[in-house]
Amino acid sequence: DDLATMEHPVFSLSTRPDRRILEYEHNGVQMTVTPSVRGLATIH
């Protein structure tokens, strides 16, 4: 059950500054991703 970022979404898929706080839970994994004033890190 070792899990990581290929399994779970960590990076924003937006092409514009994304300042949402992302909440994710799946199969016992909890994750909160909080942006800076410059926005979330993107998949690029």
PDB file of all heavy atoms in Angstrom:
ATOM      1  N   ASP A   1       0.783  -1.223   0.000  1.00  0.00           N
ATOM      2  CA  ASP A   1       0.000   0.000   0.000  1.00  0.00           C
ATOM      3  C   ASP A   1       0.824   1.286   0.000  1.00  0.00           C
ATOM      4  O   ASP A   1       0.325   2.317   0.407  1.00  0.00           O
ATOM      5  CB  ASP A   1      -0.956  -0.020   1.199  1.00  0.00           C
ATOM      6  CG  ASP A   1      -2.011  -1.086   1.065  1.00  0.00           C
ATOM      7  OD1 ASP A   1      -2.413  -1.374  -0.065  1.00  0.00           O
ATOM      8  OD2 ASP A   1      -2.420  -1.627   2.103  1.00  0.00           O
ATOM      9  N   ASP A   2       2.073   1.209  -0.304  1.00  0.00           N
ATOM     10  CA  ASP A   2       2.869   2.435  -0.349  1.00  0.00           C
ATOM     11  C   ASP A   2       2.372   3.306  -1.504  1.00  0.00           C
ATOM     12  O   ASP A   2       2.294   2.865  -2.655  1.00  0.00           O
ATOM     13  CB  ASP A   2       4.349   2.086  -0.536  1.00  0.00           C
ATOM     14  CG  ASP A   2       5.253   3.218  -0.140  1.00  0.00           C
ATOM     15  OD1 ASP A   2       4.864   4.013   0.728  1.00  0.00           O
ATOM     16  OD2 ASP A   2       6.354   3.302  -0.703  1.00  0.00           O
ATOM     17  N   LEU A   3       2.030   4.541  -1.234  1.00  0.00           N
ATOM     18  CA  LEU A   3       1.370   5.412  -2.201  1.00  0.00           C
ATOM     19  C   LEU A   3       2.190   6.677  -2.458  1.00  0.00           C
ATOM     20  O   LEU A   3       2.952   7.119  -1.626  1.00  0.00           O
ATOM     21  CB  LEU A   3      -0.010   5.810  -1.679  1.00  0.00           C
ATOM     22  CG  LEU A   3      -0.930   4.648  -1.322  1.00  0.00           C
ATOM     23  CD1 LEU A   3      -2.165   5.165  -0.610  1.00  0.00           C
ATOM     24  CD2 LEU A   3      -1.302   3.866  -2.566  1.00  0.00           C
ATOM     25  N   ALA A   4       2.019   7.291  -3.595  1.00  0.00           N
ATOM     26  CA  ALA A   4       2.813   8.474  -3.903  1.00  0.00           C
ATOM     27  C   ALA A   4       2.165   9.313  -4.996  1.00  0.00           C
ATOM     28  O   ALA A   4       1.041   9.081  -5.378  1.00  0.00           O
ATOM     29  CB  ALA A   4       4.203   8.046  -4.289  1.00  0.00           C
ATOM     30  N   THR A   5       2.905  10.280  -5.517  1.00  0.00           N
ATOM     31  CA  THR A   5       2.272  11.273  -6.392  1.00  0.00           C
ATOM     32  C   THR A   5       1.900  10.765  -7.768  1.00  0.00           C
ATOM     33  O   THR A   5       1.130  11.419  -8.460  1.00  0.00           O
ATOM     34  CB  THR A   5       3.169  12.508  -6.574  1.00  0.00           C
ATOM     35  OG1 THR A   5       4.361  12.131  -7.242  1.00  0.00           O
ATOM     36  CG2 THR A   5       3.479  13.165  -5.264  1.00  0.00           C
ATOM     37  N   MET A   6       2.416   9.636  -8.194  1.00  0.00           N
ATOM     38  CA  MET A   6       1.909   9.067  -9.439  1.00  0.00           C
ATOM     39  C   MET A   6       0.521   8.474  -9.202  1.00  0.00           C
ATOM     40  O   MET A   6      -0.260   8.338 -10.138  1.00  0.00           O
ATOM     41  CB  MET A   6       2.855   8.000  -9.990  1.00  0.00           C
ATOM     42  CG  MET A   6       4.141   8.554 -10.540  1.00  0.00           C
ATOM     43  SD  MET A   6       5.194   7.284 -11.276  1.00  0.00           S
ATOM     44  CE  MET A   6       4.397   7.076 -12.873  1.00  0.00           C
ATOM     45  N   GLU A   7       0.240   8.142  -7.975  1.00  0.00           N
ATOM     46  CA  GLU A   7      -1.047   7.555  -7.606  1.00  0.00           C
ATOM     47  C   GLU A   7      -2.070   8.625  -7.275  1.00  0.00           C
ATOM     48  O   GLU A   7      -3.246   8.498  -7.597  1.00  0.00           O
ATOM     49  CB  GLU A   7      -0.852   6.633  -6.401  1.00  0.00           C
ATOM     50  CG  GLU A   7      -2.128   6.064  -5.785  1.00  0.00           C
ATOM     51  CD  GLU A   7      -2.676   4.872  -6.541  1.00  0.00           C
ATOM     52  OE1 GLU A   7      -1.934   4.332  -7.372  1.00  0.00           O
ATOM     53  OE2 GLU A   7      -3.841   4.505  -6.315  1.00  0.00           O
ATOM     54  N   HIS A   8      -1.629   9.704  -6.630  1.00  0.00           N
ATOM     55  CA  HIS A   8      -2.557  10.705  -6.111  1.00  0.00           C
ATOM     56  C   HIS A   8      -2.220  12.086  -6.661  1.00  0.00           C
ATOM     57  O   HIS A   8      -1.058  12.399  -6.921  1.00  0.00           O
ATOM     58  CB  HIS A   8      -2.493  10.729  -4.580  1.00  0.00           C
ATOM     59  CG  HIS A   8      -2.769   9.393  -3.959  1.00  0.00           C
ATOM     60  ND1 HIS A   8      -4.000   8.793  -4.019  1.00  0.00           N
ATOM     61  CD2 HIS A   8      -1.967   8.531  -3.294  1.00  0.00           C
ATOM     62  CE1 HIS A   8      -3.948   7.626  -3.392  1.00  0.00           C
ATOM     63  NE2 HIS A   8      -2.720   7.446  -2.962  1.00  0.00           N
ATOM     64  N   PRO A   9      -3.225  12.942  -6.844  1.00  0.00           N
ATOM     65  CA  PRO A   9      -2.985  14.264  -7.441  1.00  0.00           C
ATOM     66  C   PRO A   9      -2.351  15.247  -6.471  1.00  0.00           C
ATOM     67  O   PRO A   9      -2.893  15.518  -5.406  1.00  0.00           O
ATOM     68  CB  PRO A   9      -4.401  14.718  -7.837  1.00  0.00           C
ATOM     69  CG  PRO A   9      -5.302  14.012  -6.870  1.00  0.00           C
ATOM     70  CD  PRO A   9      -4.652  12.685  -6.596  1.00  0.00           C
ATOM     71  N   VAL A  10      -1.204  15.762  -6.836  1.00  0.00           N
ATOM     72  CA  VAL A  10      -0.492  16.749  -6.034  1.00  0.00           C
ATOM     73  C   VAL A  10      -0.367  18.065  -6.799  1.00  0.00           C
ATOM     74  O   VAL A  10      -0.428  19.143  -6.218  1.00  0.00           O
ATOM     75  CB  VAL A  10       0.909  16.231  -5.652  1.00  0.00           C
ATOM     76  CG1 VAL A  10       1.742  17.320  -4.988  1.00  0.00           C
ATOM     77  CG2 VAL A  10       0.799  15.015  -4.727  1.00  0.00           C
ATOM     78  N   PHE A  11      -0.217  17.978  -8.127  1.00  0.00           N
ATOM     79  CA  PHE A  11       0.060  19.157  -8.943  1.00  0.00           C
ATOM     80  C   PHE A  11      -1.194  19.663  -9.636  1.00  0.00           C
ATOM     81  O   PHE A  11      -2.041  18.887 -10.069  1.00  0.00           O
ATOM     82  CB  PHE A  11       1.129  18.820  -9.991  1.00  0.00           C
ATOM     83  CG  PHE A  11       2.441  18.437  -9.383  1.00  0.00           C
ATOM     84  CD1 PHE A  11       2.724  17.122  -9.066  1.00  0.00           C
ATOM     85  CD2 PHE A  11       3.388  19.401  -9.105  1.00  0.00           C
ATOM     86  CE1 PHE A  11       3.923  16.761  -8.484  1.00  0.00           C
ATOM     87  CE2 PHE A  11       4.603  19.062  -8.529  1.00  0.00           C
ATOM     88  CZ  PHE A  11       4.868  17.739  -8.212  1.00  0.00           C
ATOM     89  N   SER A  12      -1.291  20.987  -9.740  1.00  0.00           N
ATOM     90  CA  SER A  12      -2.426  21.601 -10.420  1.00  0.00           C
ATOM     91  C   SER A  12      -2.354  21.340 -11.923  1.00  0.00           C
ATOM     92  O   SER A  12      -1.272  21.349 -12.519  1.00  0.00           O
ATOM     93  CB  SER A  12      -2.429  23.107 -10.163  1.00  0.00           C
ATOM     94  OG  SER A  12      -3.418  23.745 -10.951  1.00  0.00           O
ATOM     95  N   LEU A  13      -3.517  21.122 -12.535  1.00  0.00           N
ATOM     96  CA  LEU A  13      -3.592  20.947 -13.981  1.00  0.00           C
ATOM     97  C   LEU A  13      -4.012  22.238 -14.680  1.00  0.00           C
ATOM     98  O   LEU A  13      -4.200  22.248 -15.895  1.00  0.00           O
ATOM     99  CB  LEU A  13      -4.602  19.832 -14.334  1.00  0.00           C
ATOM    100  CG  LEU A  13      -4.329  18.462 -13.709  1.00  0.00           C
ATOM    101  CD1 LEU A  13      -5.355  17.447 -14.215  1.00  0.00           C
ATOM    102  CD2 LEU A  13      -2.917  17.988 -14.011  1.00  0.00           C
ATOM    103  N   SER A  14      -4.128  23.307 -13.917  1.00  0.00           N
ATOM    104  CA  SER A  14      -4.544  24.581 -14.478  1.00  0.00           C
ATOM    105  C   SER A  14      -3.378  25.264 -15.189  1.00  0.00           C
ATOM    106  O   SER A  14      -2.221  25.140 -14.777  1.00  0.00           O
ATOM    107  CB  SER A  14      -5.086  25.500 -13.376  1.00  0.00           C
ATOM    108  OG  SER A  14      -5.420  26.773 -13.900  1.00  0.00           O
ATOM    109  N   THR A  15      -3.680  25.991 -16.254  1.00  0.00           N
ATOM    110  CA  THR A  15      -2.657  26.769 -16.954  1.00  0.00           C
ATOM    111  C   THR A  15      -2.632  28.222 -16.458  1.00  0.00           C
ATOM    112  O   THR A  15      -1.825  29.016 -16.917  1.00  0.00           O
ATOM    113  CB  THR A  15      -2.906  26.754 -18.470  1.00  0.00           C
ATOM    114  OG1 THR A  15      -4.241  27.218 -18.738  1.00  0.00           O
ATOM    115  CG2 THR A  15      -2.759  25.330 -19.022  1.00  0.00           C
ATOM    116  N   ARG A  16      -3.518  28.551 -15.536  1.00  0.00           N
ATOM    117  CA  ARG A  16      -3.552  29.878 -14.916  1.00  0.00           C
ATOM    118  C   ARG A  16      -3.222  29.727 -13.431  1.00  0.00           C
ATOM    119  O   ARG A  16      -3.328  28.636 -12.885  1.00  0.00           O
ATOM    120  CB  ARG A  16      -4.937  30.518 -15.087  1.00  0.00           C
ATOM    121  CG  ARG A  16      -5.327  30.743 -16.543  1.00  0.00           C
ATOM    122  CD  ARG A  16      -6.708  31.341 -16.648  1.00  0.00           C
ATOM    123  NE  ARG A  16      -7.112  31.568 -18.038  1.00  0.00           N
ATOM    124  CZ  ARG A  16      -8.287  32.081 -18.411  1.00  0.00           C
ATOM    125  NH1 ARG A  16      -9.180  32.404 -17.483  1.00  0.00           N
ATOM    126  NH2 ARG A  16      -8.559  32.261 -19.688  1.00  0.00           N
ATOM    127  N   PRO A  17      -2.828  30.811 -12.764  1.00  0.00           N
ATOM    128  CA  PRO A  17      -2.531  30.699 -11.333  1.00  0.00           C
ATOM    129  C   PRO A  17      -3.695  30.065 -10.576  1.00  0.00           C
ATOM    130  O   PRO A  17      -4.828  30.539 -10.654  1.00  0.00           O
ATOM    131  CB  PRO A  17      -2.296  32.156 -10.924  1.00  0.00           C
ATOM    132  CG  PRO A  17      -1.808  32.831 -12.171  1.00  0.00           C
ATOM    133  CD  PRO A  17      -2.561  32.169 -13.295  1.00  0.00           C
ATOM    134  N   ASP A  18      -3.411  28.987  -9.886  1.00  0.00           N
ATOM    135  CA  ASP A  18      -4.434  28.203  -9.185  1.00  0.00           C
ATOM    136  C   ASP A  18      -4.221  28.386  -7.686  1.00  0.00           C
ATOM    137  O   ASP A  18      -3.242  27.899  -7.126  1.00  0.00           O
ATOM    138  CB  ASP A  18      -4.298  26.721  -9.582  1.00  0.00           C
ATOM    139  CG  ASP A  18      -5.452  25.879  -9.069  1.00  0.00           C
ATOM    140  OD1 ASP A  18      -6.217  26.362  -8.207  1.00  0.00           O
ATOM    141  OD2 ASP A  18      -5.589  24.723  -9.529  1.00  0.00           O
ATOM    142  N   ARG A  19      -5.130  29.098  -7.043  1.00  0.00           N
ATOM    143  CA  ARG A  19      -4.968  29.416  -5.623  1.00  0.00           C
ATOM    144  C   ARG A  19      -5.973  28.684  -4.745  1.00  0.00           C
ATOM    145  O   ARG A  19      -6.260  29.092  -3.623  1.00  0.00           O
ATOM    146  CB  ARG A  19      -5.051  30.928  -5.412  1.00  0.00           C
ATOM    147  CG  ARG A  19      -3.921  31.691  -6.131  1.00  0.00           C
ATOM    148  CD  ARG A  19      -3.939  33.179  -5.843  1.00  0.00           C
ATOM    149  NE  ARG A  19      -2.805  33.840  -6.481  1.00  0.00           N
ATOM    150  CZ  ARG A  19      -2.832  34.329  -7.722  1.00  0.00           C
ATOM    151  NH1 ARG A  19      -3.940  34.217  -8.458  1.00  0.00           N
ATOM    152  NH2 ARG A  19      -1.761  34.910  -8.241  1.00  0.00           N
ATOM    153  N   ARG A  20      -6.499  27.576  -5.273  1.00  0.00           N
ATOM    154  CA  ARG A  20      -7.409  26.753  -4.475  1.00  0.00           C
ATOM    155  C   ARG A  20      -6.622  25.958  -3.424  1.00  0.00           C
ATOM    156  O   ARG A  20      -5.464  25.619  -3.643  1.00  0.00           O
ATOM    157  CB  ARG A  20      -8.162  25.758  -5.354  1.00  0.00           C
ATOM    158  CG  ARG A  20      -9.081  26.385  -6.402  1.00  0.00           C
ATOM    159  CD  ARG A  20      -9.592  25.292  -7.326  1.00  0.00           C
ATOM    160  NE  ARG A  20      -8.488  24.632  -8.034  1.00  0.00           N
ATOM    161  CZ  ARG A  20      -8.516  23.359  -8.439  1.00  0.00           C
ATOM    162  NH1 ARG A  20      -9.572  22.603  -8.207  1.00  0.00           N
ATOM    163  NH2 ARG A  20      -7.471  22.847  -9.077  1.00  0.00           N
ATOM    164  N   ILE A  21      -7.257  25.648  -2.313  1.00  0.00           N
ATOM    165  CA  ILE A  21      -6.723  24.665  -1.375  1.00  0.00           C
ATOM    166  C   ILE A  21      -7.346  23.328  -1.744  1.00  0.00           C
ATOM    167  O   ILE A  21      -8.570  23.176  -1.740  1.00  0.00           O
ATOM    168  CB  ILE A  21      -7.055  25.038   0.082  1.00  0.00           C
ATOM    169  CG1 ILE A  21      -6.378  26.350   0.461  1.00  0.00           C
ATOM    170  CG2 ILE A  21      -6.629  23.912   1.030  1.00  0.00           C
ATOM    171  CD1 ILE A  21      -6.699  26.819   1.869  1.00  0.00           C
ATOM    172  N   LEU A  22      -6.512  22.369  -2.118  1.00  0.00           N
ATOM    173  CA  LEU A  22      -7.004  21.086  -2.602  1.00  0.00           C
ATOM    174  C   LEU A  22      -7.089  20.091  -1.449  1.00  0.00           C
ATOM    175  O   LEU A  22      -6.143  19.939  -0.675  1.00  0.00           O
ATOM    176  CB  LEU A  22      -6.072  20.535  -3.687  1.00  0.00           C
ATOM    177  CG  LEU A  22      -5.832  21.426  -4.909  1.00  0.00           C
ATOM    178  CD1 LEU A  22      -4.939  20.707  -5.908  1.00  0.00           C
ATOM    179  CD2 LEU A  22      -7.151  21.826  -5.561  1.00  0.00           C
ATOM    180  N   GLU A  23      -8.239  19.426  -1.340  1.00  0.00           N
ATOM    181  CA  GLU A  23      -8.443  18.381  -0.341  1.00  0.00           C
ATOM    182  C   GLU A  23      -8.689  17.077  -1.084  1.00  0.00           C
ATOM    183  O   GLU A  23      -9.510  17.024  -1.997  1.00  0.00           O
ATOM    184  CB  GLU A  23      -9.646  18.697   0.552  1.00  0.00           C
ATOM    185  CG  GLU A  23      -9.532  20.006   1.321  1.00  0.00           C
ATOM    186  CD  GLU A  23      -8.657  19.876   2.557  1.00  0.00           C
ATOM    187  OE1 GLU A  23      -8.256  18.738   2.885  1.00  0.00           O
ATOM    188  OE2 GLU A  23      -8.387  20.917   3.205  1.00  0.00           O
ATOM    189  N   TYR A  24      -7.982  16.025  -0.672  1.00  0.00           N
ATOM    190  CA  TYR A  24      -8.087  14.734  -1.356  1.00  0.00           C
ATOM    191  C   TYR A  24      -8.023  13.609  -0.341  1.00  0.00           C
ATOM    192  O   TYR A  24      -7.235  13.663   0.610  1.00  0.00           O
ATOM    193  CB  TYR A  24      -6.937  14.594  -2.364  1.00  0.00           C
ATOM    194  CG  TYR A  24      -6.831  13.238  -3.037  1.00  0.00           C
ATOM    195  CD1 TYR A  24      -7.589  12.950  -4.167  1.00  0.00           C
ATOM    196  CD2 TYR A  24      -5.967  12.272  -2.540  1.00  0.00           C
ATOM    197  CE1 TYR A  24      -7.487  11.711  -4.785  1.00  0.00           C
ATOM    198  CE2 TYR A  24      -5.859  11.036  -3.154  1.00  0.00           C
ATOM    199  CZ  TYR A  24      -6.622  10.759  -4.281  1.00  0.00           C
ATOM    200  OH  TYR A  24      -6.518   9.537  -4.883  1.00  0.00           O
ATOM    201  N   GLU A  25      -8.877  12.617  -0.517  1.00  0.00           N
ATOM    202  CA  GLU A  25      -8.844  11.428   0.330  1.00  0.00           C
ATOM    203  C   GLU A  25      -9.209  10.221  -0.503  1.00  0.00           C
ATOM    204  O   GLU A  25     -10.180  10.243  -1.272  1.00  0.00           O
ATOM    205  CB  GLU A  25      -9.811  11.569   1.502  1.00  0.00           C
ATOM    206  CG  GLU A  25      -9.757  10.386   2.465  1.00  0.00           C
ATOM    207  CD  GLU A  25     -10.574  10.605   3.728  1.00  0.00           C
ATOM    208  OE1 GLU A  25     -11.122  11.724   3.876  1.00  0.00           O
ATOM    209  OE2 GLU A  25     -10.668   9.670   4.538  1.00  0.00           O
ATOM    210  N   HIS A  26      -8.422   9.157  -0.381  1.00  0.00           N
ATOM    211  CA  HIS A  26      -8.678   7.941  -1.158  1.00  0.00           C
ATOM    212  C   HIS A  26      -7.989   6.767  -0.474  1.00  0.00           C
ATOM    213  O   HIS A  26      -6.785   6.795  -0.233  1.00  0.00           O
ATOM    214  CB  HIS A  26      -8.146   8.100  -2.588  1.00  0.00           C
ATOM    215  CG  HIS A  26      -8.521   6.974  -3.507  1.00  0.00           C
ATOM    216  ND1 HIS A  26      -9.797   6.826  -4.016  1.00  0.00           N
ATOM    217  CD2 HIS A  26      -7.794   5.948  -4.006  1.00  0.00           C
ATOM    218  CE1 HIS A  26      -9.830   5.761  -4.797  1.00  0.00           C
ATOM    219  NE2 HIS A  26      -8.627   5.199  -4.799  1.00  0.00           N
ATOM    220  N   ASN A  27      -8.773   5.749  -0.160  1.00  0.00           N
ATOM    221  CA  ASN A  27      -8.227   4.508   0.416  1.00  0.00           C
ATOM    222  C   ASN A  27      -7.320   4.755   1.624  1.00  0.00           C
ATOM    223  O   ASN A  27      -6.248   4.183   1.751  1.00  0.00           O
ATOM    224  CB  ASN A  27      -7.461   3.715  -0.644  1.00  0.00           C
ATOM    225  CG  ASN A  27      -8.381   3.137  -1.706  1.00  0.00           C
ATOM    226  OD1 ASN A  27      -9.589   3.081  -1.517  1.00  0.00           O
ATOM    227  ND2 ASN A  27      -7.807   2.716  -2.812  1.00  0.00           N
ATOM    228  N   GLY A  28      -7.756   5.645   2.512  1.00  0.00           N
ATOM    229  CA  GLY A  28      -6.994   5.892   3.728  1.00  0.00           C
ATOM    230  C   GLY A  28      -5.925   6.954   3.617  1.00  0.00           C
ATOM    231  O   GLY A  28      -5.292   7.305   4.607  1.00  0.00           O
ATOM    232  N   VAL A  29      -5.703   7.465   2.415  1.00  0.00           N
ATOM    233  CA  VAL A  29      -4.714   8.530   2.211  1.00  0.00           C
ATOM    234  C   VAL A  29      -5.424   9.879   2.273  1.00  0.00           C
ATOM    235  O   VAL A  29      -6.423  10.099   1.592  1.00  0.00           O
ATOM    236  CB  VAL A  29      -4.003   8.384   0.856  1.00  0.00           C
ATOM    237  CG1 VAL A  29      -3.164   9.616   0.558  1.00  0.00           C
ATOM    238  CG2 VAL A  29      -3.139   7.132   0.853  1.00  0.00           C
ATOM    239  N   GLN A  30      -4.915  10.766   3.126  1.00  0.00           N
ATOM    240  CA  GLN A  30      -5.438  12.132   3.194  1.00  0.00           C
ATOM    241  C   GLN A  30      -4.366  13.096   2.711  1.00  0.00           C
ATOM    242  O   GLN A  30      -3.180  12.886   2.969  1.00  0.00           O
ATOM    243  CB  GLN A  30      -5.841  12.494   4.628  1.00  0.00           C
ATOM    244  CG  GLN A  30      -6.995  11.696   5.192  1.00  0.00           C
ATOM    245  CD  GLN A  30      -6.545  10.438   5.898  1.00  0.00           C
ATOM    246  OE1 GLN A  30      -5.496  10.437   6.540  1.00  0.00           O
ATOM    247  NE2 GLN A  30      -7.303   9.364   5.781  1.00  0.00           N
ATOM    248  N   MET A  31      -4.814  14.122   2.029  1.00  0.00           N
ATOM    249  CA  MET A  31      -3.860  15.095   1.505  1.00  0.00           C
ATOM    250  C   MET A  31      -4.524  16.465   1.419  1.00  0.00           C
ATOM    251  O   MET A  31      -5.671  16.582   0.991  1.00  0.00           O
ATOM    252  CB  MET A  31      -3.384  14.675   0.116  1.00  0.00           C
ATOM    253  CG  MET A  31      -2.371  15.617  -0.512  1.00  0.00           C
ATOM    254  SD  MET A  31      -2.101  15.233  -2.260  1.00  0.00           S
ATOM    255  CE  MET A  31      -1.639  13.516  -2.154  1.00  0.00           C
ATOM    256  N   THR A  32      -3.799  17.474   1.862  1.00  0.00           N
ATOM    257  CA  THR A  32      -4.198  18.862   1.666  1.00  0.00           C
ATOM    258  C   THR A  32      -3.046  19.575   0.979  1.00  0.00           C
ATOM    259  O   THR A  32      -1.898  19.503   1.442  1.00  0.00           O
ATOM    260  CB  THR A  32      -4.512  19.559   3.007  1.00  0.00           C
ATOM    261  OG1 THR A  32      -5.559  18.860   3.676  1.00  0.00           O
ATOM    262  CG2 THR A  32      -4.955  20.998   2.769  1.00  0.00           C
ATOM    263  N   VAL A  33      -3.333  20.236  -0.125  1.00  0.00           N
ATOM    264  CA  VAL A  33      -2.309  20.964  -0.883  1.00  0.00           C
ATOM    265  C   VAL A  33      -2.687  22.443  -0.836  1.00  0.00           C
ATOM    266  O   VAL A  33      -3.758  22.832  -1.304  1.00  0.00           O
ATOM    267  CB  VAL A  33      -2.213  20.470  -2.342  1.00  0.00           C
ATOM    268  CG1 VAL A  33      -1.039  21.153  -3.052  1.00  0.00           C
ATOM    269  CG2 VAL A  33      -2.068  18.954  -2.397  1.00  0.00           C
ATOM    270  N   THR A  34      -1.799  23.245  -0.258  1.00  0.00           N
ATOM    271  CA  THR A  34      -2.075  24.662  -0.043  1.00  0.00           C
ATOM    272  C   THR A  34      -1.138  25.510  -0.898  1.00  0.00           C
ATOM    273  O   THR A  34       0.081  25.327  -0.843  1.00  0.00           O
ATOM    274  CB  THR A  34      -1.886  25.032   1.441  1.00  0.00           C
ATOM    275  OG1 THR A  34      -2.686  24.166   2.252  1.00  0.00           O
ATOM    276  CG2 THR A  34      -2.293  26.480   1.697  1.00  0.00           C
ATOM    277  N   PRO A  35      -1.675  26.440  -1.679  1.00  0.00           N
ATOM    278  CA  PRO A  35      -0.818  27.246  -2.559  1.00  0.00           C
ATOM    279  C   PRO A  35      -0.171  28.417  -1.835  1.00  0.00           C
ATOM    280  O   PRO A  35      -0.584  28.798  -0.738  1.00  0.00           O
ATOM    281  CB  PRO A  35      -1.813  27.756  -3.600  1.00  0.00           C
ATOM    282  CG  PRO A  35      -3.091  27.922  -2.825  1.00  0.00           C
ATOM    283  CD  PRO A  35      -3.094  26.773  -1.833  1.00  0.00           C
ATOM    284  N   SER A  36       0.846  28.969  -2.472  1.00  0.00           N
ATOM    285  CA  SER A  36       1.396  30.251  -2.038  1.00  0.00           C
ATOM    286  C   SER A  36       0.643  31.347  -2.791  1.00  0.00           C
ATOM    287  O   SER A  36      -0.303  31.069  -3.534  1.00  0.00           O
ATOM    288  CB  SER A  36       2.888  30.327  -2.359  1.00  0.00           C
ATOM    289  OG  SER A  36       3.079  30.389  -3.773  1.00  0.00           O
ATOM    290  N   VAL A  37       1.056  32.584  -2.603  1.00  0.00           N
ATOM    291  CA  VAL A  37       0.406  33.677  -3.327  1.00  0.00           C
ATOM    292  C   VAL A  37       0.614  33.538  -4.835  1.00  0.00           C
ATOM    293  O   VAL A  37      -0.125  34.123  -5.626  1.00  0.00           O
ATOM    294  CB  VAL A  37       0.928  35.039  -2.848  1.00  0.00           C
ATOM    295  CG1 VAL A  37       0.531  35.292  -1.405  1.00  0.00           C
ATOM    296  CG2 VAL A  37       2.434  35.140  -3.015  1.00  0.00           C
ATOM    297  N   ARG A  38       1.615  32.757  -5.251  1.00  0.00           N
ATOM    298  CA  ARG A  38       1.878  32.556  -6.675  1.00  0.00           C
ATOM    299  C   ARG A  38       1.086  31.383  -7.243  1.00  0.00           C
ATOM    300  O   ARG A  38       1.184  31.087  -8.427  1.00  0.00           O
ATOM    301  CB  ARG A  38       3.367  32.335  -6.917  1.00  0.00           C
ATOM    302  CG  ARG A  38       4.214  33.559  -6.577  1.00  0.00           C
ATOM    303  CD  ARG A  38       5.672  33.339  -6.904  1.00  0.00           C
ATOM    304  NE  ARG A  38       6.462  34.519  -6.604  1.00  0.00           N
ATOM    305  CZ  ARG A  38       6.634  35.549  -7.440  1.00  0.00           C
ATOM    306  NH1 ARG A  38       6.061  35.515  -8.631  1.00  0.00           N
ATOM    307  NH2 ARG A  38       7.375  36.578  -7.096  1.00  0.00           N
ATOM    308  N   GLY A  39       0.331  30.704  -6.396  1.00  0.00           N
ATOM    309  CA  GLY A  39      -0.493  29.604  -6.865  1.00  0.00           C
ATOM    310  C   GLY A  39       0.145  28.252  -6.607  1.00  0.00           C
ATOM    311  O   GLY A  39       1.294  28.142  -6.155  1.00  0.00           O
ATOM    312  N   LEU A  40      -0.607  27.209  -6.891  1.00  0.00           N
ATOM    313  CA  LEU A  40      -0.142  25.839  -6.706  1.00  0.00           C
ATOM    314  C   LEU A  40       0.937  25.488  -7.724  1.00  0.00           C
ATOM    315  O   LEU A  40       0.939  26.002  -8.849  1.00  0.00           O
ATOM    316  CB  LEU A  40      -1.313  24.864  -6.880  1.00  0.00           C
ATOM    317  CG  LEU A  40      -2.427  24.919  -5.835  1.00  0.00           C
ATOM    318  CD1 LEU A  40      -3.647  24.158  -6.343  1.00  0.00           C
ATOM    319  CD2 LEU A  40      -1.946  24.340  -4.517  1.00  0.00           C
ATOM    320  N   ALA A  41       1.828  24.598  -7.337  1.00  0.00           N
ATOM    321  CA  ALA A  41       2.774  24.038  -8.301  1.00  0.00           C
ATOM    322  C   ALA A  41       2.000  23.273  -9.363  1.00  0.00           C
ATOM    323  O   ALA A  41       1.017  22.586  -9.057  1.00  0.00           O
ATOM    324  CB  ALA A  41       3.759  23.112  -7.591  1.00  0.00           C
ATOM    325  N   THR A  42       2.421  23.378 -10.606  1.00  0.00           N
ATOM    326  CA  THR A  42       1.701  22.763 -11.715  1.00  0.00           C
ATOM    327  C   THR A  42       2.384  21.482 -12.177  1.00  0.00           C
ATOM    328  O   THR A  42       3.538  21.211 -11.837  1.00  0.00           O
ATOM    329  CB  THR A  42       1.610  23.732 -12.905  1.00  0.00           C
ATOM    330  OG1 THR A  42       2.918  23.845 -13.508  1.00  0.00           O
ATOM    331  CG2 THR A  42       1.129  25.114 -12.472  1.00  0.00           C
ATOM    332  N   ILE A  43       1.672  20.731 -12.999  1.00  0.00           N
ATOM    333  CA  ILE A  43       2.229  19.490 -13.538  1.00  0.00           C
ATOM    334  C   ILE A  43       3.453  19.786 -14.407  1.00  0.00           C
ATOM    335  O   ILE A  43       4.361  18.959 -14.509  1.00  0.00           O
ATOM    336  CB  ILE A  43       1.157  18.724 -14.344  1.00  0.00           C
ATOM    337  CG1 ILE A  43       1.588  17.283 -14.620  1.00  0.00           C
ATOM    338  CG2 ILE A  43       0.808  19.451 -15.622  1.00  0.00           C
ATOM    339  CD1 ILE A  43       1.551  16.383 -13.428  1.00  0.00           C
ATOM    340  N   HIS A  44       3.526  20.974 -14.999  1.00  0.00           N
ATOM    341  CA  HIS A  44       4.711  21.347 -15.781  1.00  0.00           C
ATOM    342  C   HIS A  44       5.879  21.708 -14.857  1.00  0.00           C
ATOM    343  O   HIS A  44       7.040  21.478 -15.206  1.00  0.00           O
ATOM    344  CB  HIS A  44       4.397  22.501 -16.723  1.00  0.00           C
ATOM    345  CG  HIS A  44       3.529  22.105 -17.884  1.00  0.00           C
ATOM    346  ND1 HIS A  44       4.035  21.494 -19.003  1.00  0.00           N
ATOM    347  CD2 HIS A  44       2.196  22.214 -18.087  1.00  0.00           C
ATOM    348  CE1 HIS A  44       3.052  21.247 -19.857  1.00  0.00           C
ATOM    349  NE2 HIS A  44       1.932  21.675 -19.317  1.00  0.00           N
TER     350      HIS A  44
END
